[in-house]
Amino acid sequence: MNYEVTDCIDAGTEYCPCHLAQVGECILCSQLSGKTFCDCINWKGVCIYQEYVWNGNKAKNQRKNYFCKVLKKEIIDNKVIIFTLLTSHKIAQDLMHPGSYIFMRSPKTTQFYDTPISIMDVNTEENWIKVAIEIKGIKTKSIDTVQENENMLIRAPFWNGIFGLKNVYSAKDGLSLVIARGIGQAPMVPVLRKLYSNRNQLIVVLDNGNYRSNFVSEYLSMYDCKVINCKTLEKGELTDELKEIIDRAIEEDKVNLIHCDGADILNFKVIEYVNDRVKTASCNNARMCCGEGVCGSCSARYKGHVVKRLCKIQTEPKKFFEGRRLI
């Protein structure tokens, strides 16, 4: 059966119901999306409509801004900066999971400079988080102006940085293949941690992209990864070497998951090549501004006039690319 099972990353959390429910656009609740009967798409153990009524027929408070001291600032290859930020214990706990990300900016700028950045590492004992940023445009250049012992402004927590999260969590006691290219090495780390904690052996295909070297070697060693350095893309297509690695992983090694962290072109080509032979997951590269489904910058349009708000909707990677309108 080729139907799509969708979920909302915020459903059942302290941030649900959100502003989408308030205007009749809830992803899961039928009664908060224009219908007059109860027919939830994906029951989360909590009645969203009841929560909405109990909250006075309005959305719950959404994420807040926090000042975080910069404990450490490391410059990698003059293109990548790794920030270690001191935060509260609750925020550190909330950002432990694969797919977690924050919005961050310099306190000297306005909210227009909010930049979504994936979490690379978290320490809940010392209450710090670590993020890696590739310096490219106005927003990241403004973040680069913040120095050690100064404050960074973050908005958190957010969790929809990965499509196919349930596949990551269900992969246990086997062998998993993880493919990462360029800055995709950063969101790869929490996935490695989860797969390793699920007693999986790990094969990591690493493509440094335009970087001289990788910046995650300590994590690759920590999680006992077998590392294969490989060029993943050439002229917009998967290299023969990567195809051979994927085929061998599926047919001989019987991997339980293939996860890809890279640009959408790499994610799409990998998922297309795997073609349902094994479960997949990929990073979420949607352009985001608010993270709450309101601004529309993350919205993607699909056949049948379907609109998906990619900052909130949780789905299989294949369904993310399937039927998407590019114009």
C-alpha atoms as a PDB file:
ATOM      1  CA  MET A   1       0.000   0.000   0.000  1.00  0.00           C
ATOM      2  CA  ASN A   2       1.521   3.269  -1.141  1.00  0.00           C
ATOM      3  CA  TYR A   3      -0.161   5.740   1.179  1.00  0.00           C
ATOM      4  CA  GLU A   4       1.593   8.379   3.272  1.00  0.00           C
ATOM      5  CA  VAL A   5       1.631   8.198   7.057  1.00  0.00           C
ATOM      6  CA  THR A   6       2.199  11.729   8.313  1.00  0.00           C
ATOM      7  CA  ASP A   7       2.848  13.000  11.790  1.00  0.00           C
ATOM      8  CA  CYS A   8       3.431  16.338  13.500  1.00  0.00           C
ATOM      9  CA  ILE A   9       6.697  16.669  15.371  1.00  0.00           C
ATOM     10  CA  ASP A  10       5.095  18.881  18.058  1.00  0.00           C
ATOM     11  CA  ALA A  11       1.960  16.803  18.684  1.00  0.00           C
ATOM     12  CA  GLY A  12       1.587  15.848  22.340  1.00  0.00           C
ATOM     13  CA  THR A  13       4.293  18.246  23.517  1.00  0.00           C
ATOM     14  CA  GLU A  14       4.034  21.394  25.624  1.00  0.00           C
ATOM     15  CA  TYR A  15       3.858  23.412  22.374  1.00  0.00           C
ATOM     16  CA  CYS A  16       0.683  21.729  21.113  1.00  0.00           C
ATOM     17  CA  PRO A  17      -1.823  22.974  20.020  1.00  0.00           C
ATOM     18  CA  CYS A  18       0.055  25.633  18.067  1.00  0.00           C
ATOM     19  CA  HIS A  19      -0.941  28.610  15.917  1.00  0.00           C
ATOM     20  CA  LEU A  20      -1.899  26.293  13.048  1.00  0.00           C
ATOM     21  CA  ALA A  21      -4.727  24.861  15.157  1.00  0.00           C
ATOM     22  CA  GLN A  22      -5.913  28.356  15.972  1.00  0.00           C
ATOM     23  CA  VAL A  23      -6.578  29.094  12.287  1.00  0.00           C
ATOM     24  CA  GLY A  24      -7.934  25.656  11.347  1.00  0.00           C
ATOM     25  CA  GLU A  25      -4.743  24.292   9.786  1.00  0.00           C
ATOM     26  CA  CYS A  26      -3.759  21.609  12.336  1.00  0.00           C
ATOM     27  CA  ILE A  27      -1.752  18.803  10.732  1.00  0.00           C
ATOM     28  CA  LEU A  28      -3.316  15.981  12.787  1.00  0.00           C
ATOM     29  CA  CYS A  29      -6.606  17.062  14.406  1.00  0.00           C
ATOM     30  CA  SER A  30      -9.620  16.845  12.083  1.00  0.00           C
ATOM     31  CA  GLN A  31     -11.727  19.245  14.165  1.00  0.00           C
ATOM     32  CA  LEU A  32      -8.974  21.857  14.108  1.00  0.00           C
ATOM     33  CA  SER A  33      -8.512  21.536  10.355  1.00  0.00           C
ATOM     34  CA  GLY A  34     -12.006  22.356   9.117  1.00  0.00           C
ATOM     35  CA  LYS A  35     -13.944  19.118   9.738  1.00  0.00           C
ATOM     36  CA  THR A  36     -16.850  18.643  12.122  1.00  0.00           C
ATOM     37  CA  PHE A  37     -16.048  15.135  13.365  1.00  0.00           C
ATOM     38  CA  CYS A  38     -13.216  13.418  15.201  1.00  0.00           C
ATOM     39  CA  ASP A  39     -10.868  11.607  12.816  1.00  0.00           C
ATOM     40  CA  CYS A  40      -7.267  12.140  13.905  1.00  0.00           C
ATOM     41  CA  ILE A  41      -4.680  11.198  11.299  1.00  0.00           C
ATOM     42  CA  ASN A  42      -2.174   9.864  13.825  1.00  0.00           C
ATOM     43  CA  TRP A  43      -3.255   9.459  17.461  1.00  0.00           C
ATOM     44  CA  LYS A  44      -0.540  10.646  19.868  1.00  0.00           C
ATOM     45  CA  GLY A  45      -2.220   9.690  23.145  1.00  0.00           C
ATOM     46  CA  VAL A  46      -3.393  13.274  23.723  1.00  0.00           C
ATOM     47  CA  CYS A  47      -6.545  14.892  22.333  1.00  0.00           C
ATOM     48  CA  ILE A  48      -5.326  18.051  20.606  1.00  0.00           C
ATOM     49  CA  TYR A  49      -8.850  19.473  20.395  1.00  0.00           C
ATOM     50  CA  GLN A  50      -9.412  18.960  24.121  1.00  0.00           C
ATOM     51  CA  GLU A  51      -6.089  20.652  24.874  1.00  0.00           C
ATOM     52  CA  TYR A  52      -7.139  23.539  22.651  1.00  0.00           C
ATOM     53  CA  VAL A  53     -10.470  23.976  24.467  1.00  0.00           C
ATOM     54  CA  TRP A  54      -8.852  23.685  27.904  1.00  0.00           C
ATOM     55  CA  ASN A  55      -6.392  26.397  26.876  1.00  0.00           C
ATOM     56  CA  GLY A  56      -9.199  28.849  26.232  1.00  0.00           C
ATOM     57  CA  ASN A  57      -9.588  28.101  22.500  1.00  0.00           C
ATOM     58  CA  LYS A  58      -6.169  29.477  21.702  1.00  0.00           C
ATOM     59  CA  ALA A  59      -2.665  28.234  20.933  1.00  0.00           C
ATOM     60  CA  LYS A  60      -0.247  27.419  23.709  1.00  0.00           C
ATOM     61  CA  ASN A  61       2.846  29.532  24.291  1.00  0.00           C
ATOM     62  CA  GLN A  62       5.517  28.802  21.724  1.00  0.00           C
ATOM     63  CA  ARG A  63       9.322  28.645  21.972  1.00  0.00           C
ATOM     64  CA  LYS A  64      11.197  31.349  23.848  1.00  0.00           C
ATOM     65  CA  ASN A  65      14.492  33.144  23.302  1.00  0.00           C
ATOM     66  CA  TYR A  66      17.461  32.440  25.574  1.00  0.00           C
ATOM     67  CA  PHE A  67      20.854  34.059  26.040  1.00  0.00           C
ATOM     68  CA  CYS A  68      23.649  31.475  25.952  1.00  0.00           C
ATOM     69  CA  LYS A  69      27.270  32.163  26.796  1.00  0.00           C
ATOM     70  CA  VAL A  70      29.788  31.120  24.127  1.00  0.00           C
ATOM     71  CA  LEU A  71      32.137  28.754  25.960  1.00  0.00           C
ATOM     72  CA  LYS A  72      34.250  27.943  22.917  1.00  0.00           C
ATOM     73  CA  LYS A  73      34.569  29.052  19.297  1.00  0.00           C
ATOM     74  CA  GLU A  74      36.572  26.843  16.937  1.00  0.00           C
ATOM     75  CA  ILE A  75      37.367  27.832  13.344  1.00  0.00           C
ATOM     76  CA  ILE A  76      37.622  24.921  10.889  1.00  0.00           C
ATOM     77  CA  ASP A  77      38.977  25.429   7.348  1.00  0.00           C
ATOM     78  CA  ASN A  78      38.010  29.139   7.499  1.00  0.00           C
ATOM     79  CA  LYS A  79      34.537  28.036   6.380  1.00  0.00           C
ATOM     80  CA  VAL A  80      33.113  26.192   9.365  1.00  0.00           C
ATOM     81  CA  ILE A  81      32.799  27.462  12.925  1.00  0.00           C
ATOM     82  CA  ILE A  82      31.928  25.205  15.855  1.00  0.00           C
ATOM     83  CA  PHE A  83      30.265  26.973  18.799  1.00  0.00           C
ATOM     84  CA  THR A  84      29.918  25.452  22.263  1.00  0.00           C
ATOM     85  CA  LEU A  85      27.084  27.239  24.093  1.00  0.00           C
ATOM     86  CA  LEU A  86      26.189  27.126  27.773  1.00  0.00           C
ATOM     87  CA  THR A  87      22.446  26.688  28.221  1.00  0.00           C
ATOM     88  CA  SER A  88      19.890  25.558  30.793  1.00  0.00           C
ATOM     89  CA  HIS A  89      19.537  21.928  31.820  1.00  0.00           C
ATOM     90  CA  LYS A  90      16.013  21.683  30.358  1.00  0.00           C
ATOM     91  CA  ILE A  91      17.052  23.030  26.964  1.00  0.00           C
ATOM     92  CA  ALA A  92      20.036  20.667  26.883  1.00  0.00           C
ATOM     93  CA  GLN A  93      17.714  17.740  27.679  1.00  0.00           C
ATOM     94  CA  ASP A  94      15.180  18.820  25.042  1.00  0.00           C
ATOM     95  CA  LEU A  95      17.905  18.926  22.364  1.00  0.00           C
ATOM     96  CA  MET A  96      19.303  15.441  23.019  1.00  0.00           C
ATOM     97  CA  HIS A  97      17.310  13.711  20.279  1.00  0.00           C
ATOM     98  CA  PRO A  98      18.261  13.183  16.600  1.00  0.00           C
ATOM     99  CA  GLY A  99      16.836  15.939  14.419  1.00  0.00           C
ATOM    100  CA  SER A 100      17.063  18.622  17.116  1.00  0.00           C
ATOM    101  CA  TYR A 101      17.902  22.147  16.023  1.00  0.00           C
ATOM    102  CA  ILE A 102      17.773  25.733  17.225  1.00  0.00           C
ATOM    103  CA  PHE A 103      17.393  29.196  15.766  1.00  0.00           C
ATOM    104  CA  MET A 104      20.369  31.372  16.667  1.00  0.00           C
ATOM    105  CA  ARG A 105      21.576  34.893  16.033  1.00  0.00           C
ATOM    106  CA  SER A 106      23.763  37.633  17.412  1.00  0.00           C
ATOM    107  CA  PRO A 107      22.009  39.626  20.188  1.00  0.00           C
ATOM    108  CA  LYS A 108      22.948  42.780  18.253  1.00  0.00           C
ATOM    109  CA  THR A 109      20.638  41.812  15.369  1.00  0.00           C
ATOM    110  CA  THR A 110      16.867  41.602  14.978  1.00  0.00           C
ATOM    111  CA  GLN A 111      14.696  38.488  14.709  1.00  0.00           C
ATOM    112  CA  PHE A 112      15.040  38.607  10.905  1.00  0.00           C
ATOM    113  CA  TYR A 113      18.529  37.164  11.431  1.00  0.00           C
ATOM    114  CA  ASP A 114      17.280  33.957  13.106  1.00  0.00           C
ATOM    115  CA  THR A 115      19.174  31.046  11.534  1.00  0.00           C
ATOM    116  CA  PRO A 116      18.144  27.369  11.891  1.00  0.00           C
ATOM    117  CA  ILE A 117      21.175  25.313  12.940  1.00  0.00           C
ATOM    118  CA  SER A 118      21.278  21.564  13.666  1.00  0.00           C
ATOM    119  CA  ILE A 119      22.564  20.339  17.013  1.00  0.00           C
ATOM    120  CA  MET A 120      25.826  18.419  16.718  1.00  0.00           C
ATOM    121  CA  ASP A 121      26.385  17.449  20.353  1.00  0.00           C
ATOM    122  CA  VAL A 122      24.820  17.917  23.789  1.00  0.00           C
ATOM    123  CA  ASN A 123      26.132  17.471  27.330  1.00  0.00           C
ATOM    124  CA  THR A 124      23.337  17.325  29.934  1.00  0.00           C
ATOM    125  CA  GLU A 125      25.773  17.133  32.864  1.00  0.00           C
ATOM    126  CA  GLU A 126      27.582  20.367  32.030  1.00  0.00           C
ATOM    127  CA  ASN A 127      24.552  21.812  30.177  1.00  0.00           C
ATOM    128  CA  TRP A 128      26.193  22.807  26.920  1.00  0.00           C
ATOM    129  CA  ILE A 129      25.255  22.301  23.291  1.00  0.00           C
ATOM    130  CA  LYS A 130      27.543  22.262  20.264  1.00  0.00           C
ATOM    131  CA  VAL A 131      26.673  23.446  16.751  1.00  0.00           C
ATOM    132  CA  ALA A 132      28.628  23.690  13.497  1.00  0.00           C
ATOM    133  CA  ILE A 133      27.967  26.578  11.093  1.00  0.00           C
ATOM    134  CA  GLU A 134      29.144  27.033   7.528  1.00  0.00           C
ATOM    135  CA  ILE A 135      29.805  30.729   6.876  1.00  0.00           C
ATOM    136  CA  LYS A 136      27.982  31.599   3.662  1.00  0.00           C
ATOM    137  CA  GLY A 137      25.573  34.537   3.837  1.00  0.00           C
ATOM    138  CA  ILE A 138      24.467  37.567   5.832  1.00  0.00           C
ATOM    139  CA  LYS A 139      22.958  35.601   8.722  1.00  0.00           C
ATOM    140  CA  THR A 140      25.918  33.292   9.310  1.00  0.00           C
ATOM    141  CA  LYS A 141      28.389  36.158   8.914  1.00  0.00           C
ATOM    142  CA  SER A 142      26.576  38.060  11.680  1.00  0.00           C
ATOM    143  CA  ILE A 143      26.746  34.972  13.925  1.00  0.00           C
ATOM    144  CA  ASP A 144      30.491  34.845  13.246  1.00  0.00           C
ATOM    145  CA  THR A 145      30.882  38.252  14.944  1.00  0.00           C
ATOM    146  CA  VAL A 146      30.019  36.724  18.352  1.00  0.00           C
ATOM    147  CA  GLN A 147      33.180  35.819  20.266  1.00  0.00           C
ATOM    148  CA  GLU A 148      34.019  33.577  23.217  1.00  0.00           C
ATOM    149  CA  ASN A 149      32.541  34.659  26.582  1.00  0.00           C
ATOM    150  CA  GLU A 150      29.930  36.756  24.774  1.00  0.00           C
ATOM    151  CA  ASN A 151      26.234  35.871  24.579  1.00  0.00           C
ATOM    152  CA  MET A 152      24.490  34.175  21.688  1.00  0.00           C
ATOM    153  CA  LEU A 153      20.707  34.421  21.354  1.00  0.00           C
ATOM    154  CA  ILE A 154      18.896  31.156  20.624  1.00  0.00           C
ATOM    155  CA  ARG A 155      15.260  30.100  20.220  1.00  0.00           C
ATOM    156  CA  ALA A 156      14.618  26.490  21.167  1.00  0.00           C
ATOM    157  CA  PRO A 157      13.858  23.617  21.168  1.00  0.00           C
ATOM    158  CA  PHE A 158      12.947  22.362  17.679  1.00  0.00           C
ATOM    159  CA  TRP A 159      13.020  18.731  16.571  1.00  0.00           C
ATOM    160  CA  ASN A 160      12.120  18.237  12.900  1.00  0.00           C
ATOM    161  CA  GLY A 161      15.638  18.203  11.455  1.00  0.00           C
ATOM    162  CA  ILE A 162      15.270  14.645  10.131  1.00  0.00           C
ATOM    163  CA  PHE A 163      12.681  12.944   7.916  1.00  0.00           C
ATOM    164  CA  GLY A 164      12.080   9.286   8.721  1.00  0.00           C
ATOM    165  CA  LEU A 165      12.819   9.618  12.435  1.00  0.00           C
ATOM    166  CA  LYS A 166      10.832   6.476  13.293  1.00  0.00           C
ATOM    167  CA  ASN A 167      13.189   4.482  11.070  1.00  0.00           C
ATOM    168  CA  VAL A 168      16.190   5.751  13.029  1.00  0.00           C
ATOM    169  CA  TYR A 169      14.572   4.796  16.342  1.00  0.00           C
ATOM    170  CA  SER A 170      13.440   1.357  15.130  1.00  0.00           C
ATOM    171  CA  ALA A 171      16.844   0.333  13.730  1.00  0.00           C
ATOM    172  CA  LYS A 172      18.235  -1.998  16.411  1.00  0.00           C
ATOM    173  CA  ASP A 173      20.778  -4.817  16.832  1.00  0.00           C
ATOM    174  CA  GLY A 174      22.016  -4.689  13.260  1.00  0.00           C
ATOM    175  CA  LEU A 175      24.203  -2.798  10.814  1.00  0.00           C
ATOM    176  CA  SER A 176      23.394   0.753   9.691  1.00  0.00           C
ATOM    177  CA  LEU A 177      24.826   2.820   6.834  1.00  0.00           C
ATOM    178  CA  VAL A 178      25.185   6.597   7.256  1.00  0.00           C
ATOM    179  CA  ILE A 179      26.175   8.883   4.362  1.00  0.00           C
ATOM    180  CA  ALA A 180      27.292  12.451   5.062  1.00  0.00           C
ATOM    181  CA  ARG A 181      28.660  15.230   2.888  1.00  0.00           C
ATOM    182  CA  GLY A 182      30.068  18.623   3.843  1.00  0.00           C
ATOM    183  CA  ILE A 183      28.254  20.410   6.670  1.00  0.00           C
ATOM    184  CA  GLY A 184      25.938  17.369   6.857  1.00  0.00           C
ATOM    185  CA  GLN A 185      28.557  15.848   9.151  1.00  0.00           C
ATOM    186  CA  ALA A 186      27.133  17.927  12.025  1.00  0.00           C
ATOM    187  CA  PRO A 187      23.504  16.615  12.115  1.00  0.00           C
ATOM    188  CA  MET A 188      24.914  13.134  11.508  1.00  0.00           C
ATOM    189  CA  VAL A 189      26.410  12.941  15.019  1.00  0.00           C
ATOM    190  CA  PRO A 190      23.139  12.618  17.043  1.00  0.00           C
ATOM    191  CA  VAL A 191      22.002   9.936  14.574  1.00  0.00           C
ATOM    192  CA  LEU A 192      25.229   7.997  15.151  1.00  0.00           C
ATOM    193  CA  ARG A 193      24.715   8.281  18.904  1.00  0.00           C
ATOM    194  CA  LYS A 194      21.165   6.942  18.689  1.00  0.00           C
ATOM    195  CA  LEU A 195      22.033   4.079  16.355  1.00  0.00           C
ATOM    196  CA  TYR A 196      25.026   3.149  18.514  1.00  0.00           C
ATOM    197  CA  SER A 197      22.863   3.164  21.664  1.00  0.00           C
ATOM    198  CA  ASN A 198      20.479   0.818  19.818  1.00  0.00           C
ATOM    199  CA  ARG A 199      23.370  -1.677  19.555  1.00  0.00           C
ATOM    200  CA  ASN A 200      23.981  -1.175  15.841  1.00  0.00           C
ATOM    201  CA  GLN A 201      27.311  -1.447  14.087  1.00  0.00           C
ATOM    202  CA  LEU A 202      27.960   1.633  11.963  1.00  0.00           C
ATOM    203  CA  ILE A 203      29.372   2.185   8.486  1.00  0.00           C
ATOM    204  CA  VAL A 204      29.902   5.857   7.649  1.00  0.00           C
ATOM    205  CA  VAL A 205      30.468   7.048   4.087  1.00  0.00           C
ATOM    206  CA  LEU A 206      32.151  10.417   4.412  1.00  0.00           C
ATOM    207  CA  ASP A 207      32.504  13.047   1.687  1.00  0.00           C
ATOM    208  CA  ASN A 208      34.280  16.181   2.910  1.00  0.00           C
ATOM    209  CA  GLY A 209      32.907  18.153  -0.035  1.00  0.00           C
ATOM    210  CA  ASN A 210      34.781  21.436  -0.258  1.00  0.00           C
ATOM    211  CA  TYR A 211      36.485  20.956   3.125  1.00  0.00           C
ATOM    212  CA  ARG A 212      40.083  19.796   3.431  1.00  0.00           C
ATOM    213  CA  SER A 213      39.189  17.370   6.212  1.00  0.00           C
ATOM    214  CA  ASN A 214      36.272  16.264   8.381  1.00  0.00           C
ATOM    215  CA  PHE A 215      35.467  17.821  11.771  1.00  0.00           C
ATOM    216  CA  VAL A 216      33.766  14.810  13.386  1.00  0.00           C
ATOM    217  CA  SER A 217      36.686  12.363  13.724  1.00  0.00           C
ATOM    218  CA  GLU A 218      36.331  12.155  17.525  1.00  0.00           C
ATOM    219  CA  TYR A 219      32.699  11.037  17.197  1.00  0.00           C
ATOM    220  CA  LEU A 220      33.517   8.504  14.504  1.00  0.00           C
ATOM    221  CA  SER A 221      36.024   6.975  16.907  1.00  0.00           C
ATOM    222  CA  MET A 222      33.678   7.245  19.908  1.00  0.00           C
ATOM    223  CA  TYR A 223      30.919   5.292  18.140  1.00  0.00           C
ATOM    224  CA  ASP A 224      33.316   2.745  16.630  1.00  0.00           C
ATOM    225  CA  CYS A 225      32.402   3.588  13.033  1.00  0.00           C
ATOM    226  CA  LYS A 226      33.877   1.935   9.981  1.00  0.00           C
ATOM    227  CA  VAL A 227      34.673   4.970   7.829  1.00  0.00           C
ATOM    228  CA  ILE A 228      34.726   4.925   4.025  1.00  0.00           C
ATOM    229  CA  ASN A 229      35.987   8.125   2.415  1.00  0.00           C
ATOM    230  CA  CYS A 230      34.166   8.460  -0.876  1.00  0.00           C
ATOM    231  CA  LYS A 231      33.124  11.125  -3.367  1.00  0.00           C
ATOM    232  CA  THR A 232      29.341  10.929  -3.367  1.00  0.00           C
ATOM    233  CA  LEU A 233      28.274  13.201  -6.239  1.00  0.00           C
ATOM    234  CA  GLU A 234      29.627  13.974  -9.674  1.00  0.00           C
ATOM    235  CA  LYS A 235      27.774  16.242 -12.114  1.00  0.00           C
ATOM    236  CA  GLY A 236      24.604  15.900 -10.055  1.00  0.00           C
ATOM    237  CA  GLU A 237      24.601  12.094 -10.045  1.00  0.00           C
ATOM    238  CA  LEU A 238      25.707   9.454  -7.541  1.00  0.00           C
ATOM    239  CA  THR A 239      29.196   8.172  -8.191  1.00  0.00           C
ATOM    240  CA  ASP A 240      29.665   4.526  -9.174  1.00  0.00           C
ATOM    241  CA  GLU A 241      31.704   4.021  -6.009  1.00  0.00           C
ATOM    242  CA  LEU A 242      28.831   5.145  -3.790  1.00  0.00           C
ATOM    243  CA  LYS A 243      26.345   2.979  -5.709  1.00  0.00           C
ATOM    244  CA  GLU A 244      28.579  -0.043  -5.150  1.00  0.00           C
ATOM    245  CA  ILE A 245      28.803   0.726  -1.429  1.00  0.00           C
ATOM    246  CA  ILE A 246      25.008   1.022  -1.165  1.00  0.00           C
ATOM    247  CA  ASP A 247      24.422  -2.199  -3.130  1.00  0.00           C
ATOM    248  CA  ARG A 248      26.914  -4.123  -1.006  1.00  0.00           C
ATOM    249  CA  ALA A 249      25.415  -2.740   2.197  1.00  0.00           C
ATOM    250  CA  ILE A 250      21.906  -3.825   1.203  1.00  0.00           C
ATOM    251  CA  GLU A 251      22.591  -7.145  -0.527  1.00  0.00           C
ATOM    252  CA  GLU A 252      25.546  -8.503   1.448  1.00  0.00           C
ATOM    253  CA  ASP A 253      25.611  -6.687   4.781  1.00  0.00           C
ATOM    254  CA  LYS A 254      21.804  -6.588   5.144  1.00  0.00           C
ATOM    255  CA  VAL A 255      21.776  -3.110   6.683  1.00  0.00           C
ATOM    256  CA  ASN A 256      18.628  -2.103   8.599  1.00  0.00           C
ATOM    257  CA  LEU A 257      18.822   1.598   7.677  1.00  0.00           C
ATOM    258  CA  ILE A 258      20.442   4.004   5.227  1.00  0.00           C
ATOM    259  CA  HIS A 259      20.569   7.557   6.547  1.00  0.00           C
ATOM    260  CA  CYS A 260      21.810  10.469   4.432  1.00  0.00           C
ATOM    261  CA  ASP A 261      22.938  13.917   5.590  1.00  0.00           C
ATOM    262  CA  GLY A 262      23.660  16.189   2.662  1.00  0.00           C
ATOM    263  CA  ALA A 263      22.113  18.589   0.185  1.00  0.00           C
ATOM    264  CA  ASP A 264      18.652  17.684  -1.139  1.00  0.00           C
ATOM    265  CA  ILE A 265      20.152  16.528  -4.435  1.00  0.00           C
ATOM    266  CA  LEU A 266      22.235  13.920  -2.595  1.00  0.00           C
ATOM    267  CA  ASN A 267      19.358  12.855  -0.334  1.00  0.00           C
ATOM    268  CA  PHE A 268      17.016  12.511  -3.314  1.00  0.00           C
ATOM    269  CA  LYS A 269      19.479  10.544  -5.438  1.00  0.00           C
ATOM    270  CA  VAL A 270      20.291   8.151  -2.579  1.00  0.00           C
ATOM    271  CA  ILE A 271      16.624   7.524  -1.723  1.00  0.00           C
ATOM    272  CA  GLU A 272      15.787   7.095  -5.413  1.00  0.00           C
ATOM    273  CA  TYR A 273      18.619   4.586  -5.840  1.00  0.00           C
ATOM    274  CA  VAL A 274      17.736   2.632  -2.688  1.00  0.00           C
ATOM    275  CA  ASN A 275      14.158   2.370  -4.037  1.00  0.00           C
ATOM    276  CA  ASP A 276      12.462   0.812  -0.991  1.00  0.00           C
ATOM    277  CA  ARG A 277      15.060  -1.946  -0.670  1.00  0.00           C
ATOM    278  CA  VAL A 278      15.693  -0.860   2.920  1.00  0.00           C
ATOM    279  CA  LYS A 279      14.366   1.782   5.331  1.00  0.00           C
ATOM    280  CA  THR A 280      15.760   5.292   4.874  1.00  0.00           C
ATOM    281  CA  ALA A 281      16.097   8.605   6.705  1.00  0.00           C
ATOM    282  CA  SER A 282      17.516  11.971   5.660  1.00  0.00           C
ATOM    283  CA  CYS A 283      18.189  15.426   6.994  1.00  0.00           C
ATOM    284  CA  ASN A 284      15.614  18.192   6.519  1.00  0.00           C
ATOM    285  CA  ASN A 285      17.031  21.039   4.434  1.00  0.00           C
ATOM    286  CA  ALA A 286      13.851  23.128   4.282  1.00  0.00           C
ATOM    287  CA  ARG A 287      14.281  26.881   4.358  1.00  0.00           C
ATOM    288  CA  MET A 288      12.910  28.050   7.687  1.00  0.00           C
ATOM    289  CA  CYS A 289      12.221  31.419   9.242  1.00  0.00           C
ATOM    290  CA  CYS A 290       9.815  30.921  12.153  1.00  0.00           C
ATOM    291  CA  GLY A 291       9.904  27.148  12.769  1.00  0.00           C
ATOM    292  CA  GLU A 292       6.224  27.252  13.786  1.00  0.00           C
ATOM    293  CA  GLY A 293       4.567  26.659  10.403  1.00  0.00           C
ATOM    294  CA  VAL A 294       3.290  30.224  10.192  1.00  0.00           C
ATOM    295  CA  CYS A 295       5.665  32.189   7.947  1.00  0.00           C
ATOM    296  CA  GLY A 296       5.358  29.798   4.990  1.00  0.00           C
ATOM    297  CA  SER A 297       9.044  29.824   4.064  1.00  0.00           C
ATOM    298  CA  CYS A 298       9.312  26.072   4.704  1.00  0.00           C
ATOM    299  CA  SER A 299       6.125  25.231   2.793  1.00  0.00           C
ATOM    300  CA  ALA A 300       6.435  22.893  -0.186  1.00  0.00           C
ATOM    301  CA  ARG A 301       3.708  22.237  -2.746  1.00  0.00           C
ATOM    302  CA  TYR A 302       2.812  18.820  -4.106  1.00  0.00           C
ATOM    303  CA  LYS A 303       0.487  17.332  -6.696  1.00  0.00           C
ATOM    304  CA  GLY A 304      -3.201  17.721  -5.887  1.00  0.00           C
ATOM    305  CA  HIS A 305      -2.697  21.207  -4.399  1.00  0.00           C
ATOM    306  CA  VAL A 306      -1.228  19.676  -1.234  1.00  0.00           C
ATOM    307  CA  VAL A 307       0.903  21.970   0.926  1.00  0.00           C
ATOM    308  CA  LYS A 308       3.293  20.543   3.531  1.00  0.00           C
ATOM    309  CA  ARG A 309       4.849  22.655   6.241  1.00  0.00           C
ATOM    310  CA  LEU A 310       8.245  21.018   6.458  1.00  0.00           C
ATOM    311  CA  CYS A 311       9.209  22.537   9.813  1.00  0.00           C
ATOM    312  CA  LYS A 312       6.480  20.450  11.493  1.00  0.00           C
ATOM    313  CA  ILE A 313       5.370  17.543   9.322  1.00  0.00           C
ATOM    314  CA  GLN A 314       7.186  14.269   9.928  1.00  0.00           C
ATOM    315  CA  THR A 315       7.148  11.782   7.049  1.00  0.00           C
ATOM    316  CA  GLU A 316       9.199   9.241   5.121  1.00  0.00           C
ATOM    317  CA  PRO A 317      12.020  10.778   3.024  1.00  0.00           C
ATOM    318  CA  LYS A 318      10.533   9.205  -0.110  1.00  0.00           C
ATOM    319  CA  LYS A 319       7.234  11.016   0.497  1.00  0.00           C
ATOM    320  CA  PHE A 320       9.094  14.286   0.980  1.00  0.00           C
ATOM    321  CA  PHE A 321      10.401  14.151  -2.592  1.00  0.00           C
ATOM    322  CA  GLU A 322       7.542  12.215  -4.258  1.00  0.00           C
ATOM    323  CA  GLY A 323       5.082  14.388  -6.176  1.00  0.00           C
ATOM    324  CA  ARG A 324       6.753  17.648  -5.212  1.00  0.00           C
ATOM    325  CA  ARG A 325       6.113  20.592  -7.524  1.00  0.00           C
ATOM    326  CA  LEU A 326       9.277  22.521  -8.319  1.00  0.00           C
ATOM    327  CA  ILE A 327       7.480  25.493  -9.916  1.00  0.00           C
END
